[in-house]
N, C-alpha and C. Protein backbone atom coordinates (compact mmCIF):
# COMPACT_ATOMS: atom_id res chain seq x y z
N MET A 1 27.67 -29.09 14.66
CA MET A 1 27.69 -29.12 16.09
C MET A 1 26.61 -30.09 16.58
N GLN A 2 27.00 -30.95 17.45
CA GLN A 2 26.14 -32.03 17.96
C GLN A 2 25.45 -31.54 19.27
N ILE A 3 24.13 -31.69 19.33
CA ILE A 3 23.42 -31.21 20.55
C ILE A 3 23.12 -32.51 21.33
N SER A 4 23.35 -32.44 22.66
CA SER A 4 23.07 -33.60 23.51
C SER A 4 21.62 -33.63 23.69
N GLU A 5 21.08 -34.78 24.24
CA GLU A 5 19.70 -34.96 24.59
C GLU A 5 19.27 -33.96 25.63
N LYS A 6 20.13 -33.68 26.55
CA LYS A 6 19.67 -32.76 27.60
C LYS A 6 19.56 -31.37 27.07
N GLU A 7 20.55 -30.92 26.19
CA GLU A 7 20.42 -29.62 25.50
C GLU A 7 19.16 -29.55 24.67
N LEU A 8 18.93 -30.59 23.93
CA LEU A 8 17.77 -30.60 23.06
C LEU A 8 16.44 -30.47 23.93
N SER A 9 16.39 -31.12 25.00
CA SER A 9 15.17 -31.07 25.88
C SER A 9 15.09 -29.65 26.45
N SER A 10 16.12 -29.08 26.83
CA SER A 10 16.10 -27.59 27.27
C SER A 10 15.67 -26.65 26.22
N ILE A 11 16.21 -26.83 25.05
CA ILE A 11 15.78 -25.97 23.91
C ILE A 11 14.28 -26.15 23.60
N LYS A 12 13.85 -27.32 23.67
CA LYS A 12 12.35 -27.58 23.43
C LYS A 12 11.51 -26.90 24.42
N MET A 13 11.97 -26.96 25.76
CA MET A 13 11.22 -26.40 26.86
C MET A 13 11.22 -24.92 26.67
N LEU A 14 12.33 -24.32 26.30
CA LEU A 14 12.38 -22.84 26.08
C LEU A 14 11.56 -22.49 24.82
N LEU A 15 11.54 -23.25 23.81
CA LEU A 15 10.75 -22.95 22.67
C LEU A 15 9.25 -22.94 23.08
N ASN A 16 8.83 -23.85 23.85
CA ASN A 16 7.42 -23.85 24.26
C ASN A 16 7.11 -22.70 25.23
N GLU A 17 8.08 -22.17 25.98
CA GLU A 17 7.84 -21.06 26.82
C GLU A 17 7.75 -19.83 26.10
N GLU A 18 8.67 -19.66 25.12
CA GLU A 18 8.64 -18.51 24.19
C GLU A 18 7.33 -18.47 23.35
N ASP A 19 6.97 -19.56 22.86
CA ASP A 19 5.80 -19.59 22.04
C ASP A 19 4.57 -19.13 22.89
N LEU A 20 4.49 -19.61 24.09
CA LEU A 20 3.39 -19.22 24.96
C LEU A 20 3.42 -17.76 25.30
N LEU A 21 4.63 -17.17 25.46
CA LEU A 21 4.68 -15.76 25.75
C LEU A 21 4.31 -14.91 24.47
N VAL A 22 4.72 -15.36 23.32
CA VAL A 22 4.28 -14.68 22.07
C VAL A 22 2.76 -14.69 21.99
N LYS A 23 2.12 -15.75 22.23
CA LYS A 23 0.60 -15.86 22.16
C LYS A 23 -0.08 -15.00 23.25
N LYS A 24 0.49 -15.04 24.45
CA LYS A 24 -0.11 -14.27 25.54
C LYS A 24 -0.06 -12.75 25.28
N PHE A 25 1.14 -12.27 24.80
CA PHE A 25 1.25 -10.89 24.54
C PHE A 25 0.49 -10.41 23.34
N GLN A 26 0.29 -11.33 22.41
CA GLN A 26 -0.62 -11.11 21.17
C GLN A 26 -2.02 -10.92 21.68
N MET A 27 -2.46 -11.77 22.59
CA MET A 27 -3.80 -11.74 23.11
C MET A 27 -3.93 -10.43 23.93
N LEU A 28 -3.02 -10.12 24.71
CA LEU A 28 -3.07 -8.77 25.50
C LEU A 28 -3.19 -7.59 24.59
N ALA A 29 -2.40 -7.63 23.44
CA ALA A 29 -2.48 -6.56 22.44
C ALA A 29 -3.88 -6.42 21.84
N GLU A 30 -4.49 -7.56 21.54
CA GLU A 30 -5.77 -7.59 20.92
C GLU A 30 -6.79 -7.08 21.87
N ASN A 31 -6.65 -7.15 23.17
CA ASN A 31 -7.60 -6.67 24.09
C ASN A 31 -7.24 -5.43 24.82
N ALA A 32 -6.15 -4.77 24.37
CA ALA A 32 -5.77 -3.49 25.01
C ALA A 32 -6.78 -2.35 24.65
N GLU A 33 -6.88 -1.51 25.63
CA GLU A 33 -7.90 -0.43 25.57
C GLU A 33 -7.26 0.82 24.84
N THR A 34 -5.97 0.89 24.84
CA THR A 34 -5.40 2.09 24.17
C THR A 34 -4.32 1.54 23.16
N GLU A 35 -4.09 2.39 22.09
CA GLU A 35 -3.11 2.04 21.13
C GLU A 35 -1.73 1.98 21.73
N ASP A 36 -1.39 2.80 22.73
CA ASP A 36 -0.13 2.79 23.32
C ASP A 36 0.15 1.40 23.98
N VAL A 37 -0.83 0.91 24.73
CA VAL A 37 -0.70 -0.37 25.40
C VAL A 37 -0.59 -1.52 24.26
N LYS A 38 -1.44 -1.37 23.32
CA LYS A 38 -1.44 -2.35 22.25
C LYS A 38 -0.10 -2.41 21.54
N ASN A 39 0.49 -1.32 21.27
CA ASN A 39 1.78 -1.30 20.66
C ASN A 39 2.86 -1.84 21.54
N LYS A 40 2.82 -1.57 22.87
CA LYS A 40 3.81 -2.06 23.74
C LYS A 40 3.72 -3.62 23.86
N MET A 41 2.50 -4.11 23.92
CA MET A 41 2.28 -5.60 23.99
C MET A 41 2.78 -6.23 22.67
N MET A 42 2.52 -5.59 21.61
CA MET A 42 3.00 -6.25 20.30
C MET A 42 4.50 -6.20 20.21
N ASP A 43 5.22 -5.14 20.73
CA ASP A 43 6.58 -5.04 20.79
C ASP A 43 7.18 -6.16 21.68
N ILE A 44 6.57 -6.44 22.70
CA ILE A 44 6.98 -7.49 23.62
C ILE A 44 6.77 -8.88 23.00
N SER A 45 5.65 -8.98 22.31
CA SER A 45 5.45 -10.29 21.57
C SER A 45 6.48 -10.50 20.48
N LYS A 46 6.80 -9.48 19.72
CA LYS A 46 7.86 -9.58 18.71
C LYS A 46 9.23 -9.90 19.34
N LYS A 47 9.48 -9.38 20.52
CA LYS A 47 10.78 -9.75 21.21
C LYS A 47 10.87 -11.16 21.48
N HIS A 48 9.66 -11.73 21.98
CA HIS A 48 9.69 -13.17 22.30
C HIS A 48 9.76 -14.01 21.06
N GLN A 49 9.13 -13.49 20.00
CA GLN A 49 9.18 -14.23 18.73
C GLN A 49 10.55 -14.32 18.19
N GLY A 50 11.41 -13.23 18.45
CA GLY A 50 12.77 -13.23 18.13
C GLY A 50 13.53 -14.33 18.90
N HIS A 51 13.21 -14.34 20.23
CA HIS A 51 13.86 -15.35 21.03
C HIS A 51 13.63 -16.79 20.52
N PHE A 52 12.29 -16.99 20.17
CA PHE A 52 11.87 -18.29 19.60
C PHE A 52 12.64 -18.64 18.36
N ASN A 53 12.74 -17.64 17.44
CA ASN A 53 13.42 -17.86 16.13
C ASN A 53 14.89 -18.21 16.39
N GLU A 54 15.55 -17.46 17.37
CA GLU A 54 16.98 -17.71 17.65
C GLU A 54 17.19 -19.13 18.14
N LEU A 55 16.30 -19.48 19.12
CA LEU A 55 16.39 -20.88 19.65
C LEU A 55 16.21 -21.92 18.59
N TYR A 56 15.13 -21.69 17.75
CA TYR A 56 14.87 -22.64 16.64
C TYR A 56 16.00 -22.85 15.74
N SER A 57 16.71 -21.71 15.44
CA SER A 57 17.86 -21.77 14.54
C SER A 57 18.95 -22.67 15.04
N LYS A 58 19.03 -22.91 16.35
CA LYS A 58 20.06 -23.70 16.90
C LYS A 58 19.84 -25.17 16.61
N LEU A 59 18.61 -25.54 16.19
CA LEU A 59 18.26 -26.91 15.88
C LEU A 59 18.62 -27.33 14.51
N SER A 60 19.00 -26.32 13.67
CA SER A 60 19.31 -26.64 12.24
C SER A 60 20.79 -26.95 12.07
């Protein structure tokens, strides 16, 4: 499947946004005051990592 320049640009933008969200939620998890909040932030980080991985797989 051929990806257009516009699609590639959009995927790159989304990859950057998902990567930023992964890092933000990891930081929030590291600074959480309770295990419950820490676990929730890590779950959200993993969800965004999954989004990142799915988008990245479209480039291969």
